[in-house]
Every structure is written in structure tokens, then in C-alpha cells.
Amino acid sequence: GCAGFIGMHCARRLLERGDEVTGIDNLSPYYSVQLKRDRLG
């Protein structure tokens, strides 16, 4: 859920502190896929 709300914030913090992150998301259309892509950005 790395393109999700909490997921993106957590992944970003993990990267900032020096961890490696493998992110998974299915980009479900339940809500705006563009928002999810922008989070991935």
C-alpha cells in the first residue's frame, strides 16, 4: 500500500532515514488513481 496515504508517508520516512524500501500497490480505482500516482512521485 505504498501509494496509499499512510503508506507513502511511511515509505518516504524510511527512505529518508536510510532504509531500502520495496513498495507494493495495486493502484485500486476505489479513489483517484492520479492521487496515488502523485504520491508515488
PDB file of all heavy atoms in Angstrom:
ATOM      1  N   GLY A   1       0.817  -1.208   0.000  1.00  0.00           N
ATOM      2  CA  GLY A   1       0.000   0.000   0.000  1.00  0.00           C
ATOM      3  C   GLY A   1       0.848   1.254   0.000  1.00  0.00           C
ATOM      4  O   GLY A   1       0.463   2.278   0.585  1.00  0.00           O
ATOM      5  N   CYS A   2       1.999   1.208  -0.702  1.00  0.00           N
ATOM      6  CA  CYS A   2       2.933   2.340  -0.632  1.00  0.00           C
ATOM      7  C   CYS A   2       2.422   3.571  -1.368  1.00  0.00           C
ATOM      8  O   CYS A   2       2.959   4.666  -1.184  1.00  0.00           O
ATOM      9  CB  CYS A   2       4.303   1.936  -1.159  1.00  0.00           C
ATOM     10  SG  CYS A   2       4.311   1.579  -2.929  1.00  0.00           S
ATOM     11  N   ALA A   3       1.394   3.420  -2.214  1.00  0.00           N
ATOM     12  CA  ALA A   3       0.792   4.584  -2.865  1.00  0.00           C
ATOM     13  C   ALA A   3      -0.396   5.120  -2.082  1.00  0.00           C
ATOM     14  O   ALA A   3      -1.054   6.053  -2.517  1.00  0.00           O
ATOM     15  CB  ALA A   3       0.356   4.232  -4.289  1.00  0.00           C
ATOM     16  N   GLY A   4      -0.661   4.519  -0.927  1.00  0.00           N
ATOM     17  CA  GLY A   4      -1.732   4.987  -0.064  1.00  0.00           C
ATOM     18  C   GLY A   4      -1.291   6.152   0.796  1.00  0.00           C
ATOM     19  O   GLY A   4      -0.121   6.553   0.797  1.00  0.00           O
ATOM     20  N   PHE A   5      -2.230   6.678   1.551  1.00  0.00           N
ATOM     21  CA  PHE A   5      -1.988   7.862   2.384  1.00  0.00           C
ATOM     22  C   PHE A   5      -0.893   7.597   3.424  1.00  0.00           C
ATOM     23  O   PHE A   5       0.185   8.218   3.401  1.00  0.00           O
ATOM     24  CB  PHE A   5      -3.314   8.254   3.037  1.00  0.00           C
ATOM     25  CG  PHE A   5      -3.246   9.375   4.046  1.00  0.00           C
ATOM     26  CD1 PHE A   5      -2.340  10.405   3.926  1.00  0.00           C
ATOM     27  CD2 PHE A   5      -4.129   9.392   5.126  1.00  0.00           C
ATOM     28  CE1 PHE A   5      -2.289  11.445   4.852  1.00  0.00           C
ATOM     29  CE2 PHE A   5      -4.102  10.412   6.051  1.00  0.00           C
ATOM     30  CZ  PHE A   5      -3.176  11.430   5.920  1.00  0.00           C
ATOM     31  N   ILE A   6      -1.123   6.660   4.316  1.00  0.00           N
ATOM     32  CA  ILE A   6      -0.137   6.367   5.361  1.00  0.00           C
ATOM     33  C   ILE A   6       1.076   5.681   4.751  1.00  0.00           C
ATOM     34  O   ILE A   6       2.216   5.929   5.146  1.00  0.00           O
ATOM     35  CB  ILE A   6      -0.761   5.512   6.473  1.00  0.00           C
ATOM     36  CG1 ILE A   6      -1.942   6.253   7.120  1.00  0.00           C
ATOM     37  CG2 ILE A   6       0.273   5.162   7.542  1.00  0.00           C
ATOM     38  CD1 ILE A   6      -2.719   5.413   8.129  1.00  0.00           C
ATOM     39  N   GLY A   7       0.847   4.809   3.764  1.00  0.00           N
ATOM     40  CA  GLY A   7       1.940   4.069   3.161  1.00  0.00           C
ATOM     41  C   GLY A   7       2.992   4.955   2.536  1.00  0.00           C
ATOM     42  O   GLY A   7       4.195   4.743   2.706  1.00  0.00           O
ATOM     43  N   MET A   8       2.563   5.988   1.775  1.00  0.00           N
ATOM     44  CA  MET A   8       3.525   6.882   1.150  1.00  0.00           C
ATOM     45  C   MET A   8       4.339   7.628   2.203  1.00  0.00           C
ATOM     46  O   MET A   8       5.567   7.737   2.110  1.00  0.00           O
ATOM     47  CB  MET A   8       2.800   7.877   0.237  1.00  0.00           C
ATOM     48  CG  MET A   8       3.730   8.880  -0.465  1.00  0.00           C
ATOM     49  SD  MET A   8       4.156  10.336   0.539  1.00  0.00           S
ATOM     50  CE  MET A   8       2.651  11.287   0.414  1.00  0.00           C
ATOM     51  N   HIS A   9       3.656   8.141   3.234  1.00  0.00           N
ATOM     52  CA  HIS A   9       4.372   8.886   4.274  1.00  0.00           C
ATOM     53  C   HIS A   9       5.383   8.000   4.995  1.00  0.00           C
ATOM     54  O   HIS A   9       6.513   8.435   5.287  1.00  0.00           O
ATOM     55  CB  HIS A   9       3.371   9.469   5.271  1.00  0.00           C
ATOM     56  CG  HIS A   9       2.692  10.721   4.793  1.00  0.00           C
ATOM     57  ND1 HIS A   9       3.297  11.955   4.828  1.00  0.00           N
ATOM     58  CD2 HIS A   9       1.448  10.930   4.286  1.00  0.00           C
ATOM     59  CE1 HIS A   9       2.468  12.880   4.360  1.00  0.00           C
ATOM     60  NE2 HIS A   9       1.339  12.277   4.021  1.00  0.00           N
ATOM     61  N   CYS A  10       5.001   6.755   5.294  1.00  0.00           N
ATOM     62  CA  CYS A  10       5.925   5.845   5.984  1.00  0.00           C
ATOM     63  C   CYS A  10       7.100   5.485   5.085  1.00  0.00           C
ATOM     64  O   CYS A  10       8.255   5.471   5.532  1.00  0.00           O
ATOM     65  CB  CYS A  10       5.193   4.580   6.424  1.00  0.00           C
ATOM     66  SG  CYS A  10       4.124   4.777   7.873  1.00  0.00           S
ATOM     67  N   ALA A  11       6.826   5.185   3.807  1.00  0.00           N
ATOM     68  CA  ALA A  11       7.900   4.828   2.888  1.00  0.00           C
ATOM     69  C   ALA A  11       8.885   5.982   2.734  1.00  0.00           C
ATOM     70  O   ALA A  11      10.110   5.784   2.708  1.00  0.00           O
ATOM     71  CB  ALA A  11       7.315   4.433   1.538  1.00  0.00           C
ATOM     72  N   ARG A  12       8.359   7.194   2.650  1.00  0.00           N
ATOM     73  CA  ARG A  12       9.241   8.355   2.497  1.00  0.00           C
ATOM     74  C   ARG A  12      10.139   8.528   3.718  1.00  0.00           C
ATOM     75  O   ARG A  12      11.346   8.771   3.583  1.00  0.00           O
ATOM     76  CB  ARG A  12       8.405   9.617   2.266  1.00  0.00           C
ATOM     77  CG  ARG A  12       9.236  10.851   1.952  1.00  0.00           C
ATOM     78  CD  ARG A  12       8.377  11.987   1.430  1.00  0.00           C
ATOM     79  NE  ARG A  12       7.415  12.449   2.419  1.00  0.00           N
ATOM     80  CZ  ARG A  12       6.510  13.413   2.177  1.00  0.00           C
ATOM     81  NH1 ARG A  12       6.445  13.966   0.973  1.00  0.00           N
ATOM     82  NH2 ARG A  12       5.662  13.789   3.123  1.00  0.00           N
ATOM     83  N   ARG A  13       9.567   8.359   4.906  1.00  0.00           N
ATOM     84  CA  ARG A  13      10.377   8.479   6.126  1.00  0.00           C
ATOM     85  C   ARG A  13      11.425   7.366   6.204  1.00  0.00           C
ATOM     86  O   ARG A  13      12.567   7.610   6.625  1.00  0.00           O
ATOM     87  CB  ARG A  13       9.473   8.458   7.347  1.00  0.00           C
ATOM     88  CG  ARG A  13      10.205   8.672   8.667  1.00  0.00           C
ATOM     89  CD  ARG A  13      10.511  10.122   8.940  1.00  0.00           C
ATOM     90  NE  ARG A  13       9.279  10.861   9.131  1.00  0.00           N
ATOM     91  CZ  ARG A  13       8.611  10.950  10.302  1.00  0.00           C
ATOM     92  NH1 ARG A  13       9.068  10.325  11.368  1.00  0.00           N
ATOM     93  NH2 ARG A  13       7.501  11.649  10.376  1.00  0.00           N
ATOM     94  N   LEU A  14      11.072   6.153   5.810  1.00  0.00           N
ATOM     95  CA  LEU A  14      12.037   5.054   5.804  1.00  0.00           C
ATOM     96  C   LEU A  14      13.206   5.369   4.877  1.00  0.00           C
ATOM     97  O   LEU A  14      14.375   5.150   5.221  1.00  0.00           O
ATOM     98  CB  LEU A  14      11.358   3.755   5.370  1.00  0.00           C
ATOM     99  CG  LEU A  14      10.426   3.101   6.389  1.00  0.00           C
ATOM    100  CD1 LEU A  14       9.547   2.060   5.708  1.00  0.00           C
ATOM    101  CD2 LEU A  14      11.220   2.457   7.530  1.00  0.00           C
ATOM    102  N   LEU A  15      12.902   5.890   3.696  1.00  0.00           N
ATOM    103  CA  LEU A  15      13.961   6.247   2.752  1.00  0.00           C
ATOM    104  C   LEU A  15      14.830   7.373   3.290  1.00  0.00           C
ATOM    105  O   LEU A  15      16.059   7.348   3.147  1.00  0.00           O
ATOM    106  CB  LEU A  15      13.345   6.656   1.412  1.00  0.00           C
ATOM    107  CG  LEU A  15      12.672   5.537   0.614  1.00  0.00           C
ATOM    108  CD1 LEU A  15      11.812   6.115  -0.506  1.00  0.00           C
ATOM    109  CD2 LEU A  15      13.709   4.572   0.050  1.00  0.00           C
ATOM    110  N   GLU A  16      14.208   8.347   3.928  1.00  0.00           N
ATOM    111  CA  GLU A  16      14.959   9.487   4.466  1.00  0.00           C
ATOM    112  C   GLU A  16      15.922   9.062   5.564  1.00  0.00           C
ATOM    113  O   GLU A  16      16.987   9.677   5.724  1.00  0.00           O
ATOM    114  CB  GLU A  16      13.990  10.542   5.002  1.00  0.00           C
ATOM    115  CG  GLU A  16      13.246  11.291   3.907  1.00  0.00           C
ATOM    116  CD  GLU A  16      12.121  12.167   4.431  1.00  0.00           C
ATOM    117  OE1 GLU A  16      11.802  12.089   5.637  1.00  0.00           O
ATOM    118  OE2 GLU A  16      11.559  12.936   3.619  1.00  0.00           O
ATOM    119  N   ARG A  17      15.581   8.011   6.282  1.00  0.00           N
ATOM    120  CA  ARG A  17      16.475   7.576   7.364  1.00  0.00           C
ATOM    121  C   ARG A  17      17.497   6.542   6.881  1.00  0.00           C
ATOM    122  O   ARG A  17      18.319   6.070   7.671  1.00  0.00           O
ATOM    123  CB  ARG A  17      15.670   7.034   8.540  1.00  0.00           C
ATOM    124  CG  ARG A  17      15.095   5.665   8.353  1.00  0.00           C
ATOM    125  CD  ARG A  17      14.307   5.215   9.571  1.00  0.00           C
ATOM    126  NE  ARG A  17      14.110   3.777   9.577  1.00  0.00           N
ATOM    127  CZ  ARG A  17      13.503   3.108  10.544  1.00  0.00           C
ATOM    128  NH1 ARG A  17      13.013   3.766  11.597  1.00  0.00           N
ATOM    129  NH2 ARG A  17      13.386   1.794  10.493  1.00  0.00           N
ATOM    130  N   GLY A  18      17.450   6.168   5.588  1.00  0.00           N
ATOM    131  CA  GLY A  18      18.486   5.314   5.026  1.00  0.00           C
ATOM    132  C   GLY A  18      18.105   3.876   4.768  1.00  0.00           C
ATOM    133  O   GLY A  18      18.959   3.071   4.387  1.00  0.00           O
ATOM    134  N   ASP A  19      16.850   3.512   4.949  1.00  0.00           N
ATOM    135  CA  ASP A  19      16.423   2.145   4.670  1.00  0.00           C
ATOM    136  C   ASP A  19      16.161   1.960   3.180  1.00  0.00           C
ATOM    137  O   ASP A  19      15.922   2.925   2.447  1.00  0.00           O
ATOM    138  CB  ASP A  19      15.146   1.810   5.449  1.00  0.00           C
ATOM    139  CG  ASP A  19      15.388   1.706   6.943  1.00  0.00           C
ATOM    140  OD1 ASP A  19      16.437   1.162   7.331  1.00  0.00           O
ATOM    141  OD2 ASP A  19      14.541   2.178   7.717  1.00  0.00           O
ATOM    142  N   GLU A  20      16.187   0.708   2.749  1.00  0.00           N
ATOM    143  CA  GLU A  20      15.752   0.350   1.407  1.00  0.00           C
ATOM    144  C   GLU A  20      14.282  -0.028   1.477  1.00  0.00           C
ATOM    145  O   GLU A  20      13.856  -0.701   2.410  1.00  0.00           O
ATOM    146  CB  GLU A  20      16.558  -0.840   0.864  1.00  0.00           C
ATOM    147  CG  GLU A  20      18.036  -0.565   0.713  1.00  0.00           C
ATOM    148  CD  GLU A  20      18.786  -1.790   0.233  1.00  0.00           C
ATOM    149  OE1 GLU A  20      18.141  -2.828  -0.036  1.00  0.00           O
ATOM    150  OE2 GLU A  20      20.019  -1.714   0.139  1.00  0.00           O
ATOM    151  N   VAL A  21      13.517   0.399   0.493  1.00  0.00           N
ATOM    152  CA  VAL A  21      12.076   0.148   0.505  1.00  0.00           C
ATOM    153  C   VAL A  21      11.658  -0.528  -0.794  1.00  0.00           C
ATOM    154  O   VAL A  21      11.941  -0.029  -1.885  1.00  0.00           O
ATOM    155  CB  VAL A  21      11.269   1.458   0.688  1.00  0.00           C
ATOM    156  CG1 VAL A  21       9.765   1.198   0.525  1.00  0.00           C
ATOM    157  CG2 VAL A  21      11.554   2.077   2.048  1.00  0.00           C
ATOM    158  N   THR A  22      11.004  -1.679  -0.649  1.00  0.00           N
ATOM    159  CA  THR A  22      10.308  -2.310  -1.757  1.00  0.00           C
ATOM    160  C   THR A  22       8.827  -2.028  -1.571  1.00  0.00           C
ATOM    161  O   THR A  22       8.248  -2.424  -0.545  1.00  0.00           O
ATOM    162  CB  THR A  22      10.548  -3.829  -1.785  1.00  0.00           C
ATOM    163  OG1 THR A  22      11.955  -4.077  -1.919  1.00  0.00           O
ATOM    164  CG2 THR A  22       9.800  -4.469  -2.942  1.00  0.00           C
ATOM    165  N   GLY A  23       8.238  -1.317  -2.498  1.00  0.00           N
ATOM    166  CA  GLY A  23       6.843  -0.902  -2.359  1.00  0.00           C
ATOM    167  C   GLY A  23       5.929  -1.691  -3.276  1.00  0.00           C
ATOM    168  O   GLY A  23       6.265  -1.964  -4.432  1.00  0.00           O
ATOM    169  N   ILE A  24       4.768  -2.062  -2.733  1.00  0.00           N
ATOM    170  CA  ILE A  24       3.736  -2.766  -3.488  1.00  0.00           C
ATOM    171  C   ILE A  24       2.453  -1.948  -3.425  1.00  0.00           C
ATOM    172  O   ILE A  24       2.091  -1.429  -2.361  1.00  0.00           O
ATOM    173  CB  ILE A  24       3.439  -4.162  -2.885  1.00  0.00           C
ATOM    174  CG1 ILE A  24       4.651  -5.072  -2.957  1.00  0.00           C
ATOM    175  CG2 ILE A  24       2.260  -4.827  -3.592  1.00  0.00           C
ATOM    176  CD1 ILE A  24       4.423  -6.395  -2.237  1.00  0.00           C
ATOM    177  N   ASP A  25       1.756  -1.853  -4.538  1.00  0.00           N
ATOM    178  CA  ASP A  25       0.416  -1.269  -4.547  1.00  0.00           C
ATOM    179  C   ASP A  25      -0.292  -1.750  -5.803  1.00  0.00           C
ATOM    180  O   ASP A  25       0.347  -1.902  -6.853  1.00  0.00           O
ATOM    181  CB  ASP A  25       0.476   0.260  -4.522  1.00  0.00           C
ATOM    182  CG  ASP A  25      -0.788   0.893  -3.954  1.00  0.00           C
ATOM    183  OD1 ASP A  25      -1.844   0.816  -4.628  1.00  0.00           O
ATOM    184  OD2 ASP A  25      -0.729   1.450  -2.844  1.00  0.00           O
ATOM    185  N   ASN A  26      -1.598  -1.995  -5.703  1.00  0.00           N
ATOM    186  CA  ASN A  26      -2.340  -2.400  -6.903  1.00  0.00           C
ATOM    187  C   ASN A  26      -3.003  -1.222  -7.607  1.00  0.00           C
ATOM    188  O   ASN A  26      -3.662  -1.400  -8.629  1.00  0.00           O
ATOM    189  CB  ASN A  26      -3.377  -3.476  -6.570  1.00  0.00           C
ATOM    190  CG  ASN A  26      -4.531  -2.954  -5.723  1.00  0.00           C
ATOM    191  OD1 ASN A  26      -4.508  -1.811  -5.247  1.00  0.00           O
ATOM    192  ND2 ASN A  26      -5.533  -3.790  -5.514  1.00  0.00           N
ATOM    193  N   LEU A  27      -2.824  -0.008  -7.048  1.00  0.00           N
ATOM    194  CA  LEU A  27      -3.408   1.208  -7.633  1.00  0.00           C
ATOM    195  C   LEU A  27      -4.903   1.028  -7.900  1.00  0.00           C
ATOM    196  O   LEU A  27      -5.421   1.365  -8.969  1.00  0.00           O
ATOM    197  CB  LEU A  27      -2.663   1.620  -8.902  1.00  0.00           C
ATOM    198  CG  LEU A  27      -1.168   1.927  -8.724  1.00  0.00           C
ATOM    199  CD1 LEU A  27      -0.543   2.334 -10.056  1.00  0.00           C
ATOM    200  CD2 LEU A  27      -0.948   3.009  -7.689  1.00  0.00           C
ATOM    201  N   SER A  28      -5.592   0.531  -6.902  1.00  0.00           N
ATOM    202  CA  SER A  28      -7.042   0.319  -6.985  1.00  0.00           C
ATOM    203  C   SER A  28      -7.755   1.616  -7.335  1.00  0.00           C
ATOM    204  O   SER A  28      -7.413   2.690  -6.829  1.00  0.00           O
ATOM    205  CB  SER A  28      -7.564  -0.198  -5.642  1.00  0.00           C
ATOM    206  OG  SER A  28      -8.942   0.028  -5.499  1.00  0.00           O
ATOM    207  N   PRO A  29      -8.795   1.548  -8.173  1.00  0.00           N
ATOM    208  CA  PRO A  29      -9.550   2.751  -8.540  1.00  0.00           C
ATOM    209  C   PRO A  29     -10.638   3.124  -7.533  1.00  0.00           C
ATOM    210  O   PRO A  29     -11.517   3.918  -7.862  1.00  0.00           O
ATOM    211  CB  PRO A  29     -10.161   2.370  -9.887  1.00  0.00           C
ATOM    212  CG  PRO A  29     -10.379   0.895  -9.796  1.00  0.00           C
ATOM    213  CD  PRO A  29      -9.227   0.376  -8.982  1.00  0.00           C
ATOM    214  N   TYR A  30     -10.581   2.584  -6.317  1.00  0.00           N
ATOM    215  CA  TYR A  30     -11.569   2.947  -5.290  1.00  0.00           C
ATOM    216  C   TYR A  30     -11.646   4.465  -5.126  1.00  0.00           C
ATOM    217  O   TYR A  30     -12.722   5.026  -4.925  1.00  0.00           O
ATOM    218  CB  TYR A  30     -11.198   2.273  -3.973  1.00  0.00           C
ATOM    219  CG  TYR A  30     -11.944   2.815  -2.761  1.00  0.00           C
ATOM    220  CD1 TYR A  30     -13.307   2.606  -2.603  1.00  0.00           C
ATOM    221  CD2 TYR A  30     -11.274   3.547  -1.787  1.00  0.00           C
ATOM    222  CE1 TYR A  30     -13.983   3.104  -1.505  1.00  0.00           C
ATOM    223  CE2 TYR A  30     -11.941   4.047  -0.689  1.00  0.00           C
ATOM    224  CZ  TYR A  30     -13.302   3.828  -0.546  1.00  0.00           C
ATOM    225  OH  TYR A  30     -13.972   4.340   0.545  1.00  0.00           O
ATOM    226  N   TYR A  31     -10.490   5.128  -5.191  1.00  0.00           N
ATOM    227  CA  TYR A  31     -10.472   6.593  -5.301  1.00  0.00           C
ATOM    228  C   TYR A  31      -9.381   6.964  -6.296  1.00  0.00           C
ATOM    229  O   TYR A  31      -8.724   6.089  -6.870  1.00  0.00           O
ATOM    230  CB  TYR A  31     -10.298   7.292  -3.945  1.00  0.00           C
ATOM    231  CG  TYR A  31      -9.003   7.038  -3.218  1.00  0.00           C
ATOM    232  CD1 TYR A  31      -7.845   7.724  -3.547  1.00  0.00           C
ATOM    233  CD2 TYR A  31      -8.934   6.126  -2.161  1.00  0.00           C
ATOM    234  CE1 TYR A  31      -6.653   7.510  -2.882  1.00  0.00           C
ATOM    235  CE2 TYR A  31      -7.754   5.901  -1.483  1.00  0.00           C
ATOM    236  CZ  TYR A  31      -6.616   6.601  -1.843  1.00  0.00           C
ATOM    237  OH  TYR A  31      -5.435   6.384  -1.179  1.00  0.00           O
ATOM    238  N   SER A  32      -9.183   8.228  -6.528  1.00  0.00           N
ATOM    239  CA  SER A  32      -8.338   8.756  -7.602  1.00  0.00           C
ATOM    240  C   SER A  32      -7.000   8.031  -7.750  1.00  0.00           C
ATOM    241  O   SER A  32      -6.138   8.095  -6.860  1.00  0.00           O
ATOM    242  CB  SER A  32      -8.061  10.241  -7.344  1.00  0.00           C
ATOM    243  OG  SER A  32      -7.057  10.715  -8.217  1.00  0.00           O
ATOM    244  N   VAL A  33      -6.828   7.371  -8.884  1.00  0.00           N
ATOM    245  CA  VAL A  33      -5.550   6.730  -9.176  1.00  0.00           C
ATOM    246  C   VAL A  33      -4.477   7.795  -9.416  1.00  0.00           C
ATOM    247  O   VAL A  33      -3.297   7.584  -9.102  1.00  0.00           O
ATOM    248  CB  VAL A  33      -5.681   5.793 -10.392  1.00  0.00           C
ATOM    249  CG1 VAL A  33      -4.323   5.241 -10.812  1.00  0.00           C
ATOM    250  CG2 VAL A  33      -6.636   4.640 -10.072  1.00  0.00           C
ATOM    251  N   GLN A  34      -4.881   8.954  -9.928  1.00  0.00           N
ATOM    252  CA  GLN A  34      -3.904  10.029 -10.141  1.00  0.00           C
ATOM    253  C   GLN A  34      -3.300  10.485  -8.816  1.00  0.00           C
ATOM    254  O   GLN A  34      -2.089  10.754  -8.740  1.00  0.00           O
ATOM    255  CB  GLN A  34      -4.552  11.218 -10.859  1.00  0.00           C
ATOM    256  CG  GLN A  34      -3.552  12.301 -11.243  1.00  0.00           C
ATOM    257  CD  GLN A  34      -2.447  11.781 -12.137  1.00  0.00           C
ATOM    258  OE1 GLN A  34      -2.709  11.180 -13.170  1.00  0.00           O
ATOM    259  NE2 GLN A  34      -1.193  12.002 -11.743  1.00  0.00           N
ATOM    260  N   LEU A  35      -4.119  10.576  -7.784  1.00  0.00           N
ATOM    261  CA  LEU A  35      -3.586  10.941  -6.462  1.00  0.00           C
ATOM    262  C   LEU A  35      -2.561   9.902  -6.020  1.00  0.00           C
ATOM    263  O   LEU A  35      -1.499  10.254  -5.482  1.00  0.00           O
ATOM    264  CB  LEU A  35      -4.726  11.049  -5.449  1.00  0.00           C
ATOM    265  CG  LEU A  35      -4.324  11.267  -3.982  1.00  0.00           C
ATOM    266  CD1 LEU A  35      -3.526  12.555  -3.817  1.00  0.00           C
ATOM    267  CD2 LEU A  35      -5.567  11.282  -3.082  1.00  0.00           C
ATOM    268  N   LYS A  36      -2.862   8.639  -6.235  1.00  0.00           N
ATOM    269  CA  LYS A  36      -1.918   7.582  -5.853  1.00  0.00           C
ATOM    270  C   LYS A  36      -0.625   7.691  -6.655  1.00  0.00           C
ATOM    271  O   LYS A  36       0.473   7.527  -6.107  1.00  0.00           O
ATOM    272  CB  LYS A  36      -2.568   6.211  -6.047  1.00  0.00           C
ATOM    273  CG  LYS A  36      -3.767   5.987  -5.134  1.00  0.00           C
ATOM    274  CD  LYS A  36      -4.409   4.628  -5.353  1.00  0.00           C
ATOM    275  CE  LYS A  36      -5.624   4.469  -4.439  1.00  0.00           C
ATOM    276  NZ  LYS A  36      -6.239   3.132  -4.551  1.00  0.00           N
ATOM    277  N   ARG A  37      -0.740   7.987  -7.940  1.00  0.00           N
ATOM    278  CA  ARG A  37       0.471   8.148  -8.764  1.00  0.00           C
ATOM    279  C   ARG A  37       1.268   9.376  -8.310  1.00  0.00           C
ATOM    280  O   ARG A  37       2.506   9.366  -8.318  1.00  0.00           O
ATOM    281  CB  ARG A  37       0.089   8.265 -10.234  1.00  0.00           C
ATOM    282  CG  ARG A  37      -0.495   6.974 -10.814  1.00  0.00           C
ATOM    283  CD  ARG A  37      -0.573   7.029 -12.328  1.00  0.00           C
ATOM    284  NE  ARG A  37      -1.232   5.842 -12.867  1.00  0.00           N
ATOM    285  CZ  ARG A  37      -0.651   4.650 -13.026  1.00  0.00           C
ATOM    286  NH1 ARG A  37       0.628   4.509 -12.678  1.00  0.00           N
ATOM    287  NH2 ARG A  37      -1.323   3.635 -13.530  1.00  0.00           N
ATOM    288  N   ASP A  38       0.574  10.419  -7.912  1.00  0.00           N
ATOM    289  CA  ASP A  38       1.275  11.605  -7.422  1.00  0.00           C
ATOM    290  C   ASP A  38       1.982  11.315  -6.102  1.00  0.00           C
ATOM    291  O   ASP A  38       3.074  11.848  -5.845  1.00  0.00           O
ATOM    292  CB  ASP A  38       0.290  12.761  -7.257  1.00  0.00           C
ATOM    293  CG  ASP A  38      -0.208  13.298  -8.591  1.00  0.00           C
ATOM    294  OD1 ASP A  38       0.436  13.032  -9.629  1.00  0.00           O
ATOM    295  OD2 ASP A  38      -1.260  13.975  -8.605  1.00  0.00           O
ATOM    296  N   ARG A  39       1.359  10.490  -5.267  1.00  0.00           N
ATOM    297  CA  ARG A  39       2.059  10.070  -4.039  1.00  0.00           C
ATOM    298  C   ARG A  39       3.311   9.273  -4.392  1.00  0.00           C
ATOM    299  O   ARG A  39       4.380   9.476  -3.796  1.00  0.00           O
ATOM    300  CB  ARG A  39       1.136   9.233  -3.156  1.00  0.00           C
ATOM    301  CG  ARG A  39      -0.018   9.977  -2.513  1.00  0.00           C
ATOM    302  CD  ARG A  39      -0.748   9.025  -1.604  1.00  0.00           C
ATOM    303  NE  ARG A  39      -1.982   9.556  -1.022  1.00  0.00           N
ATOM    304  CZ  ARG A  39      -3.134   8.898  -0.997  1.00  0.00           C
ATOM    305  NH1 ARG A  39      -3.228   7.685  -1.550  1.00  0.00           N
ATOM    306  NH2 ARG A  39      -4.197   9.423  -0.427  1.00  0.00           N
ATOM    307  N   LEU A  40       3.176   8.359  -5.339  1.00  0.00           N
ATOM    308  CA  LEU A  40       4.349   7.588  -5.772  1.00  0.00           C
ATOM    309  C   LEU A  40       5.449   8.505  -6.281  1.00  0.00           C
ATOM    310  O   LEU A  40       6.645   8.216  -6.132  1.00  0.00           O
ATOM    311  CB  LEU A  40       3.958   6.597  -6.864  1.00  0.00           C
ATOM    312  CG  LEU A  40       3.295   5.300  -6.423  1.00  0.00           C
ATOM    313  CD1 LEU A  40       2.891   4.471  -7.641  1.00  0.00           C
ATOM    314  CD2 LEU A  40       4.216   4.487  -5.513  1.00  0.00           C
ATOM    315  N   GLY A  41       5.051   9.629  -6.870  1.00  0.00           N
ATOM    316  CA  GLY A  41       6.031  10.593  -7.341  1.00  0.00           C
ATOM    317  C   GLY A  41       6.902  11.155  -6.234  1.00  0.00           C
ATOM    318  O   GLY A  41       7.998  11.667  -6.501  1.00  0.00           O
TER     319      GLY A  41
END
